[in-house]
Amino acid sequence: MEIGAFQDLMDQLYGETDRERGIPSTIAWLCEETGELAQAVRKGTEDQQLHELGDVLAWLASLANQLGLSLEDAARRYVDNPP
């Protein structure tokens, strides 16, 4: 799946609820999921790691949608001018 299509899907599935929750709560959820990913990387199975990667990606897409930004544009930076 293309990252833009994934971002659009997350908006279709959760966009209204995410906007009602707001950016501060979305960032809190993203941080929590990132912590769960870190724990899965340290102690989890491959399936747990994959699950948590998906959760982090979903919350990142939610944040991008609320900010009105494109994850494709953010990723393009690494193609056009990598840091």
C-alpha atoms as a PDB file:
ATOM      1  CA  MET A   1       0.000   0.000   0.000  1.00  0.00           C
ATOM      2  CA  GLU A   2       1.226   3.470  -0.871  1.00  0.00           C
ATOM      3  CA  ILE A   3       1.760   5.770   2.105  1.00  0.00           C
ATOM      4  CA  GLY A   4      -0.638   8.388   0.731  1.00  0.00           C
ATOM      5  CA  ALA A   5      -3.359   5.775   0.278  1.00  0.00           C
ATOM      6  CA  PHE A   6      -2.772   4.615   3.839  1.00  0.00           C
ATOM      7  CA  GLN A   7      -3.052   8.186   5.121  1.00  0.00           C
ATOM      8  CA  ASP A   8      -6.315   8.616   3.200  1.00  0.00           C
ATOM      9  CA  LEU A   9      -7.654   5.327   4.596  1.00  0.00           C
ATOM     10  CA  MET A  10      -6.857   6.396   8.166  1.00  0.00           C
ATOM     11  CA  ASP A  11      -8.728   9.645   7.526  1.00  0.00           C
ATOM     12  CA  GLN A  12     -11.742   7.777   6.146  1.00  0.00           C
ATOM     13  CA  LEU A  13     -11.796   5.313   9.050  1.00  0.00           C
ATOM     14  CA  TYR A  14     -10.886   7.561  11.972  1.00  0.00           C
ATOM     15  CA  GLY A  15     -10.635  11.156  10.760  1.00  0.00           C
ATOM     16  CA  GLU A  16     -13.751  12.540  12.419  1.00  0.00           C
ATOM     17  CA  THR A  17     -12.957  10.896  15.759  1.00  0.00           C
ATOM     18  CA  ASP A  18      -9.305  11.939  15.530  1.00  0.00           C
ATOM     19  CA  ARG A  19     -10.202  15.577  14.875  1.00  0.00           C
ATOM     20  CA  GLU A  20     -12.594  15.559  17.828  1.00  0.00           C
ATOM     21  CA  ARG A  21      -9.827  14.118  20.035  1.00  0.00           C
ATOM     22  CA  GLY A  22      -7.433  16.829  18.906  1.00  0.00           C
ATOM     23  CA  ILE A  23      -3.728  17.155  18.307  1.00  0.00           C
ATOM     24  CA  PRO A  24      -2.488  17.096  21.928  1.00  0.00           C
ATOM     25  CA  SER A  25      -4.246  13.787  22.635  1.00  0.00           C
ATOM     26  CA  THR A  26      -3.096  12.370  19.305  1.00  0.00           C
ATOM     27  CA  ILE A  27       0.501  13.174  20.174  1.00  0.00           C
ATOM     28  CA  ALA A  28       0.033  11.484  23.561  1.00  0.00           C
ATOM     29  CA  TRP A  29      -1.314   8.357  21.843  1.00  0.00           C
ATOM     30  CA  LEU A  30       1.534   8.424  19.319  1.00  0.00           C
ATOM     31  CA  CYS A  31       4.060   8.599  22.161  1.00  0.00           C
ATOM     32  CA  GLU A  32       2.359   5.741  23.986  1.00  0.00           C
ATOM     33  CA  GLU A  33       2.395   3.577  20.867  1.00  0.00           C
ATOM     34  CA  THR A  34       6.048   4.436  20.269  1.00  0.00           C
ATOM     35  CA  GLY A  35       6.803   3.190  23.777  1.00  0.00           C
ATOM     36  CA  GLU A  36       4.925  -0.024  23.062  1.00  0.00           C
ATOM     37  CA  LEU A  37       6.946  -0.411  19.865  1.00  0.00           C
ATOM     38  CA  ALA A  38      10.185   0.054  21.805  1.00  0.00           C
ATOM     39  CA  GLN A  39       9.122  -2.648  24.251  1.00  0.00           C
ATOM     40  CA  ALA A  40       8.152  -4.990  21.410  1.00  0.00           C
ATOM     41  CA  VAL A  41      11.521  -4.432  19.755  1.00  0.00           C
ATOM     42  CA  ARG A  42      13.310  -5.270  23.015  1.00  0.00           C
ATOM     43  CA  LYS A  43      11.220  -8.209  24.191  1.00  0.00           C
ATOM     44  CA  GLY A  44       8.499  -8.994  21.690  1.00  0.00           C
ATOM     45  CA  THR A  45       7.934 -11.379  18.863  1.00  0.00           C
ATOM     46  CA  GLU A  46       8.083 -10.408  15.223  1.00  0.00           C
ATOM     47  CA  ASP A  47       4.252 -10.394  15.144  1.00  0.00           C
ATOM     48  CA  GLN A  48       4.138  -8.014  18.132  1.00  0.00           C
ATOM     49  CA  GLN A  49       6.722  -5.756  16.508  1.00  0.00           C
ATOM     50  CA  LEU A  50       4.741  -5.652  13.265  1.00  0.00           C
ATOM     51  CA  HIS A  51       1.541  -4.883  15.193  1.00  0.00           C
ATOM     52  CA  GLU A  52       3.162  -1.984  17.038  1.00  0.00           C
ATOM     53  CA  LEU A  53       4.771  -0.624  13.856  1.00  0.00           C
ATOM     54  CA  GLY A  54       1.287  -0.493  12.353  1.00  0.00           C
ATOM     55  CA  ASP A  55      -0.082   1.319  15.394  1.00  0.00           C
ATOM     56  CA  VAL A  56       2.684   3.929  15.271  1.00  0.00           C
ATOM     57  CA  LEU A  57       2.129   4.425  11.556  1.00  0.00           C
ATOM     58  CA  ALA A  58      -1.631   4.825  12.067  1.00  0.00           C
ATOM     59  CA  TRP A  59      -1.183   7.460  14.780  1.00  0.00           C
ATOM     60  CA  LEU A  60       1.436   9.263  12.703  1.00  0.00           C
ATOM     61  CA  ALA A  61      -1.032   9.366   9.799  1.00  0.00           C
ATOM     62  CA  SER A  62      -3.687  10.717  12.167  1.00  0.00           C
ATOM     63  CA  LEU A  63      -1.368  13.487  13.293  1.00  0.00           C
ATOM     64  CA  ALA A  64      -0.416  14.356   9.717  1.00  0.00           C
ATOM     65  CA  ASN A  65      -4.091  14.490   8.743  1.00  0.00           C
ATOM     66  CA  GLN A  66      -4.925  16.811  11.619  1.00  0.00           C
ATOM     67  CA  LEU A  67      -2.001  19.054  10.688  1.00  0.00           C
ATOM     68  CA  GLY A  68      -3.083  19.060   7.030  1.00  0.00           C
ATOM     69  CA  LEU A  69       0.265  17.611   5.981  1.00  0.00           C
ATOM     70  CA  SER A  70       1.207  14.777   3.655  1.00  0.00           C
ATOM     71  CA  LEU A  71       3.324  11.854   4.826  1.00  0.00           C
ATOM     72  CA  GLU A  72       4.436  11.482   1.198  1.00  0.00           C
ATOM     73  CA  ASP A  73       5.753  15.046   1.265  1.00  0.00           C
ATOM     74  CA  ALA A  74       7.511  14.371   4.558  1.00  0.00           C
ATOM     75  CA  ALA A  75       9.120  11.215   3.162  1.00  0.00           C
ATOM     76  CA  ARG A  76      10.106  12.971  -0.062  1.00  0.00           C
ATOM     77  CA  ARG A  77      12.647  14.987   1.925  1.00  0.00           C
ATOM     78  CA  TYR A  78      14.708  11.824   2.242  1.00  0.00           C
ATOM     79  CA  VAL A  79      14.678  11.359  -1.523  1.00  0.00           C
ATOM     80  CA  ASP A  80      15.324  14.952  -2.548  1.00  0.00           C
ATOM     81  CA  ASN A  81      17.643  16.166   0.219  1.00  0.00           C
ATOM     82  CA  PRO A  82      18.519  13.546   2.842  1.00  0.00           C
ATOM     83  CA  PRO A  83      19.850  14.971   6.102  1.00  0.00           C
END
